[in-house]
Amino acid sequence: MYDDHKLFEFLILEGFQAGLSWITILRKRENFRKAFDNFDYHKIAQYSDDKLEELRRDAGIIRNRLKIETARSNAQAFIKVQQEFGSFSEYLWRFVDDKPIVNHWKRAEDIPAKTGLSDQISKDLKKRGFKFVGSTIIYAFMQAIGMVDDHEEDCWKKGP
């Protein structure tokens, strides 16, 4: 996935998922989309404190104050990365020379929760002002966007 709009959506949803099950986020995904202006990072970067408080009252999303505030600050950091690199996608995919990492796992329990690369990206994102981007969150994000293929060898979705 190379589309900045989708990358932002996935990054935000991964942050909201921290400490929760993925099914919780998936069930609320459309509510998040509506509440957060279809993940328009330009709009989210400009959210007022009143708008953030309104989101805290929205029962359709995860109402964690810190995670909601982080959506705004991450949108601001996202735009800064775009300004520096031309796009967030350019920034992100340079970590893997624009080529997905294809791992060859036999069993699901062999798949790591984080790697040295996710540690590196996490550290760099934090340096750039992002929050809720710990190494485990970033590794899940890398899997979700196709930067890492961790499908087991006998999975029908396994890449070449």
C-alpha atoms as a PDB file:
ATOM      1  CA  MET A   1       0.000   0.000   0.000  1.00  0.00           C
ATOM      2  CA  TYR A   2       1.468   3.308  -1.091  1.00  0.00           C
ATOM      3  CA  ASP A   3      -1.481   5.697  -0.800  1.00  0.00           C
ATOM      4  CA  ASP A   4      -0.854   8.315   1.906  1.00  0.00           C
ATOM      5  CA  HIS A   5      -4.528   8.606   2.798  1.00  0.00           C
ATOM      6  CA  LYS A   6      -4.814   4.852   3.453  1.00  0.00           C
ATOM      7  CA  LEU A   7      -1.464   4.745   5.233  1.00  0.00           C
ATOM      8  CA  PHE A   8      -2.693   7.449   7.608  1.00  0.00           C
ATOM      9  CA  GLU A   9      -5.947   5.577   8.227  1.00  0.00           C
ATOM     10  CA  PHE A  10      -4.100   2.372   9.050  1.00  0.00           C
ATOM     11  CA  LEU A  11      -1.609   4.181  11.282  1.00  0.00           C
ATOM     12  CA  ILE A  12      -4.421   5.826  13.259  1.00  0.00           C
ATOM     13  CA  LEU A  13      -6.400   2.602  13.583  1.00  0.00           C
ATOM     14  CA  GLU A  14      -3.296   0.707  14.738  1.00  0.00           C
ATOM     15  CA  GLY A  15      -2.801   3.320  17.458  1.00  0.00           C
ATOM     16  CA  PHE A  16      -6.409   3.034  18.611  1.00  0.00           C
ATOM     17  CA  GLN A  17      -6.094  -0.746  18.615  1.00  0.00           C
ATOM     18  CA  ALA A  18      -3.254  -0.680  21.172  1.00  0.00           C
ATOM     19  CA  GLY A  19      -4.322  -2.777  24.151  1.00  0.00           C
ATOM     20  CA  LEU A  20      -7.533  -3.923  22.458  1.00  0.00           C
ATOM     21  CA  SER A  21      -8.523  -6.718  20.113  1.00  0.00           C
ATOM     22  CA  TRP A  22      -8.525  -6.081  16.385  1.00  0.00           C
ATOM     23  CA  ILE A  23     -12.158  -7.143  16.122  1.00  0.00           C
ATOM     24  CA  THR A  24     -13.095  -4.198  18.339  1.00  0.00           C
ATOM     25  CA  ILE A  25     -11.498  -1.782  15.888  1.00  0.00           C
ATOM     26  CA  LEU A  26     -12.852  -3.561  12.825  1.00  0.00           C
ATOM     27  CA  ARG A  27     -16.398  -3.376  14.177  1.00  0.00           C
ATOM     28  CA  LYS A  28     -15.976   0.359  14.765  1.00  0.00           C
ATOM     29  CA  ARG A  29     -14.051   1.168  11.576  1.00  0.00           C
ATOM     30  CA  GLU A  30     -16.958   2.877   9.813  1.00  0.00           C
ATOM     31  CA  ASN A  31     -17.704   4.877  12.969  1.00  0.00           C
ATOM     32  CA  PHE A  32     -14.062   5.984  13.047  1.00  0.00           C
ATOM     33  CA  ARG A  33     -14.258   6.930   9.382  1.00  0.00           C
ATOM     34  CA  LYS A  34     -17.287   9.152  10.012  1.00  0.00           C
ATOM     35  CA  ALA A  35     -15.995  10.618  13.274  1.00  0.00           C
ATOM     36  CA  PHE A  36     -12.565  11.443  11.820  1.00  0.00           C
ATOM     37  CA  ASP A  37     -13.690  13.027   8.541  1.00  0.00           C
ATOM     38  CA  ASN A  38     -12.800   9.978   6.460  1.00  0.00           C
ATOM     39  CA  PHE A  39      -9.272  10.118   7.920  1.00  0.00           C
ATOM     40  CA  ASP A  40      -8.532  13.420   6.200  1.00  0.00           C
ATOM     41  CA  TYR A  41      -5.257  14.227   7.935  1.00  0.00           C
ATOM     42  CA  HIS A  42      -5.393  17.880   6.829  1.00  0.00           C
ATOM     43  CA  LYS A  43      -8.714  18.318   8.651  1.00  0.00           C
ATOM     44  CA  ILE A  44      -7.644  16.249  11.651  1.00  0.00           C
ATOM     45  CA  ALA A  45      -4.441  18.293  12.024  1.00  0.00           C
ATOM     46  CA  GLN A  46      -6.659  21.371  12.474  1.00  0.00           C
ATOM     47  CA  TYR A  47      -9.085  19.857  15.013  1.00  0.00           C
ATOM     48  CA  SER A  48      -9.845  22.196  17.872  1.00  0.00           C
ATOM     49  CA  ASP A  49      -9.859  21.098  21.485  1.00  0.00           C
ATOM     50  CA  ASP A  50     -13.669  21.325  21.320  1.00  0.00           C
ATOM     51  CA  LYS A  51     -13.705  18.869  18.406  1.00  0.00           C
ATOM     52  CA  LEU A  52     -11.489  16.472  20.358  1.00  0.00           C
ATOM     53  CA  GLU A  53     -13.879  16.696  23.308  1.00  0.00           C
ATOM     54  CA  GLU A  54     -16.804  16.000  20.967  1.00  0.00           C
ATOM     55  CA  LEU A  55     -14.992  12.860  19.792  1.00  0.00           C
ATOM     56  CA  ARG A  56     -14.540  11.786  23.423  1.00  0.00           C
ATOM     57  CA  ARG A  57     -18.333  11.688  23.712  1.00  0.00           C
ATOM     58  CA  ASP A  58     -18.786   9.572  20.562  1.00  0.00           C
ATOM     59  CA  ALA A  59     -19.813   6.099  21.726  1.00  0.00           C
ATOM     60  CA  GLY A  60     -19.141   4.712  18.235  1.00  0.00           C
ATOM     61  CA  ILE A  61     -15.367   4.970  18.617  1.00  0.00           C
ATOM     62  CA  ILE A  62     -12.741   4.266  21.266  1.00  0.00           C
ATOM     63  CA  ARG A  63     -13.088   7.253  23.601  1.00  0.00           C
ATOM     64  CA  ASN A  64      -9.610   7.227  25.102  1.00  0.00           C
ATOM     65  CA  ARG A  65      -8.567  10.879  25.529  1.00  0.00           C
ATOM     66  CA  LEU A  66      -4.880  10.291  24.808  1.00  0.00           C
ATOM     67  CA  LYS A  67      -5.566   8.263  21.665  1.00  0.00           C
ATOM     68  CA  ILE A  68      -7.978  10.912  20.373  1.00  0.00           C
ATOM     69  CA  GLU A  69      -5.486  13.716  21.032  1.00  0.00           C
ATOM     70  CA  THR A  70      -2.795  11.621  19.367  1.00  0.00           C
ATOM     71  CA  ALA A  71      -4.848  11.470  16.158  1.00  0.00           C
ATOM     72  CA  ARG A  72      -4.443  15.246  15.847  1.00  0.00           C
ATOM     73  CA  SER A  73      -0.756  15.373  16.743  1.00  0.00           C
ATOM     74  CA  ASN A  74       0.007  12.410  14.453  1.00  0.00           C
ATOM     75  CA  ALA A  75      -1.820  14.155  11.592  1.00  0.00           C
ATOM     76  CA  GLN A  76       0.410  17.188  12.155  1.00  0.00           C
ATOM     77  CA  ALA A  77       3.543  15.014  12.228  1.00  0.00           C
ATOM     78  CA  PHE A  78       2.323  13.119   9.139  1.00  0.00           C
ATOM     79  CA  ILE A  79       2.059  16.379   7.170  1.00  0.00           C
ATOM     80  CA  LYS A  80       5.570  17.385   8.239  1.00  0.00           C
ATOM     81  CA  VAL A  81       6.921  14.054   6.971  1.00  0.00           C
ATOM     82  CA  GLN A  82       5.119  14.605   3.665  1.00  0.00           C
ATOM     83  CA  GLN A  83       6.691  18.034   3.377  1.00  0.00           C
ATOM     84  CA  GLU A  84      10.156  16.624   4.017  1.00  0.00           C
ATOM     85  CA  PHE A  85       9.954  13.489   1.835  1.00  0.00           C
ATOM     86  CA  GLY A  86       7.277  14.356  -0.744  1.00  0.00           C
ATOM     87  CA  SER A  87       4.919  11.743   0.693  1.00  0.00           C
ATOM     88  CA  PHE A  88       4.585   9.588   3.780  1.00  0.00           C
ATOM     89  CA  SER A  89       4.800   6.571   1.488  1.00  0.00           C
ATOM     90  CA  GLU A  90       8.223   7.688   0.192  1.00  0.00           C
ATOM     91  CA  TYR A  91       9.407   8.131   3.773  1.00  0.00           C
ATOM     92  CA  LEU A  92       8.119   4.754   4.932  1.00  0.00           C
ATOM     93  CA  TRP A  93       9.030   2.499   2.029  1.00  0.00           C
ATOM     94  CA  ARG A  94      12.623   3.725   1.942  1.00  0.00           C
ATOM     95  CA  PHE A  95      13.178   1.585   5.056  1.00  0.00           C
ATOM     96  CA  VAL A  96      12.766  -1.528   2.862  1.00  0.00           C
ATOM     97  CA  ASP A  97      14.149  -0.151  -0.425  1.00  0.00           C
ATOM     98  CA  ASP A  98      10.575  -0.072  -1.815  1.00  0.00           C
ATOM     99  CA  LYS A  99      10.297  -3.883  -1.673  1.00  0.00           C
ATOM    100  CA  PRO A 100       8.033  -5.846   0.686  1.00  0.00           C
ATOM    101  CA  ILE A 101       9.769  -8.225   3.073  1.00  0.00           C
ATOM    102  CA  VAL A 102       8.536 -11.777   2.503  1.00  0.00           C
ATOM    103  CA  ASN A 103       9.090 -14.074   5.457  1.00  0.00           C
ATOM    104  CA  HIS A 104       8.670 -17.842   5.346  1.00  0.00           C
ATOM    105  CA  TRP A 105       6.971 -18.973   8.532  1.00  0.00           C
ATOM    106  CA  LYS A 106       5.778 -22.523   9.019  1.00  0.00           C
ATOM    107  CA  ARG A 107       3.625 -21.762  12.088  1.00  0.00           C
ATOM    108  CA  ALA A 108       1.801 -18.679  13.342  1.00  0.00           C
ATOM    109  CA  GLU A 109       3.586 -18.889  16.683  1.00  0.00           C
ATOM    110  CA  ASP A 110       6.911 -18.319  14.878  1.00  0.00           C
ATOM    111  CA  ILE A 111       5.837 -14.864  13.685  1.00  0.00           C
ATOM    112  CA  PRO A 112       7.428 -12.151  15.836  1.00  0.00           C
ATOM    113  CA  ALA A 113       5.495  -9.283  17.412  1.00  0.00           C
ATOM    114  CA  LYS A 114       8.274  -6.859  16.479  1.00  0.00           C
ATOM    115  CA  THR A 115      11.626  -6.817  14.720  1.00  0.00           C
ATOM    116  CA  GLY A 116      14.776  -4.739  14.552  1.00  0.00           C
ATOM    117  CA  LEU A 117      13.272  -2.916  11.585  1.00  0.00           C
ATOM    118  CA  SER A 118      10.046  -2.095  13.410  1.00  0.00           C
ATOM    119  CA  ASP A 119      12.217  -0.869  16.309  1.00  0.00           C
ATOM    120  CA  GLN A 120      14.077   1.407  13.886  1.00  0.00           C
ATOM    121  CA  ILE A 121      10.928   2.819  12.247  1.00  0.00           C
ATOM    122  CA  SER A 122       9.236   3.274  15.618  1.00  0.00           C
ATOM    123  CA  LYS A 123      12.226   5.189  16.965  1.00  0.00           C
ATOM    124  CA  ASP A 124      12.338   7.418  13.885  1.00  0.00           C
ATOM    125  CA  LEU A 125       8.599   8.142  13.999  1.00  0.00           C
ATOM    126  CA  LYS A 126       8.832   9.054  17.693  1.00  0.00           C
ATOM    127  CA  LYS A 127      11.744  11.383  16.903  1.00  0.00           C
ATOM    128  CA  ARG A 128       9.431  13.058  14.371  1.00  0.00           C
ATOM    129  CA  GLY A 129       6.714  13.603  16.982  1.00  0.00           C
ATOM    130  CA  PHE A 130       4.458  10.595  16.425  1.00  0.00           C
ATOM    131  CA  LYS A 131       2.813   8.841  19.379  1.00  0.00           C
ATOM    132  CA  PHE A 132       1.317   5.371  19.779  1.00  0.00           C
ATOM    133  CA  VAL A 133       3.934   4.068  17.373  1.00  0.00           C
ATOM    134  CA  GLY A 134       5.756   1.530  19.525  1.00  0.00           C
ATOM    135  CA  SER A 135       7.616  -1.260  17.796  1.00  0.00           C
ATOM    136  CA  THR A 136       4.790  -3.805  18.150  1.00  0.00           C
ATOM    137  CA  ILE A 137       2.233  -1.345  16.749  1.00  0.00           C
ATOM    138  CA  ILE A 138       4.554  -0.508  13.871  1.00  0.00           C
ATOM    139  CA  TYR A 139       5.160  -4.162  13.058  1.00  0.00           C
ATOM    140  CA  ALA A 140       1.400  -4.785  12.907  1.00  0.00           C
ATOM    141  CA  PHE A 141       1.116  -1.678  10.704  1.00  0.00           C
ATOM    142  CA  MET A 142       3.879  -3.010   8.418  1.00  0.00           C
ATOM    143  CA  GLN A 143       1.975  -6.293   8.085  1.00  0.00           C
ATOM    144  CA  ALA A 144      -1.356  -4.543   7.459  1.00  0.00           C
ATOM    145  CA  ILE A 145      -0.012  -2.363   4.628  1.00  0.00           C
ATOM    146  CA  GLY A 146       1.883  -5.180   2.908  1.00  0.00           C
ATOM    147  CA  MET A 147       5.332  -3.956   3.831  1.00  0.00           C
ATOM    148  CA  VAL A 148       5.871  -7.348   5.480  1.00  0.00           C
ATOM    149  CA  ASP A 149       4.310 -10.611   4.319  1.00  0.00           C
ATOM    150  CA  ASP A 150       4.135 -12.876   7.343  1.00  0.00           C
ATOM    151  CA  HIS A 151       1.557 -15.304   5.959  1.00  0.00           C
ATOM    152  CA  GLU A 152       2.397 -18.879   6.735  1.00  0.00           C
ATOM    153  CA  GLU A 153       3.820 -20.930   3.873  1.00  0.00           C
ATOM    154  CA  ASP A 154       0.560 -22.849   3.291  1.00  0.00           C
ATOM    155  CA  CYS A 155      -1.690 -19.752   3.437  1.00  0.00           C
ATOM    156  CA  TRP A 156      -3.591 -18.920   0.236  1.00  0.00           C
ATOM    157  CA  LYS A 157      -2.599 -15.240   0.655  1.00  0.00           C
ATOM    158  CA  LYS A 158       1.121 -16.011   0.756  1.00  0.00           C
ATOM    159  CA  GLY A 159       3.091 -13.930  -1.745  1.00  0.00           C
ATOM    160  CA  PRO A 160       5.872 -15.232  -3.977  1.00  0.00           C
END
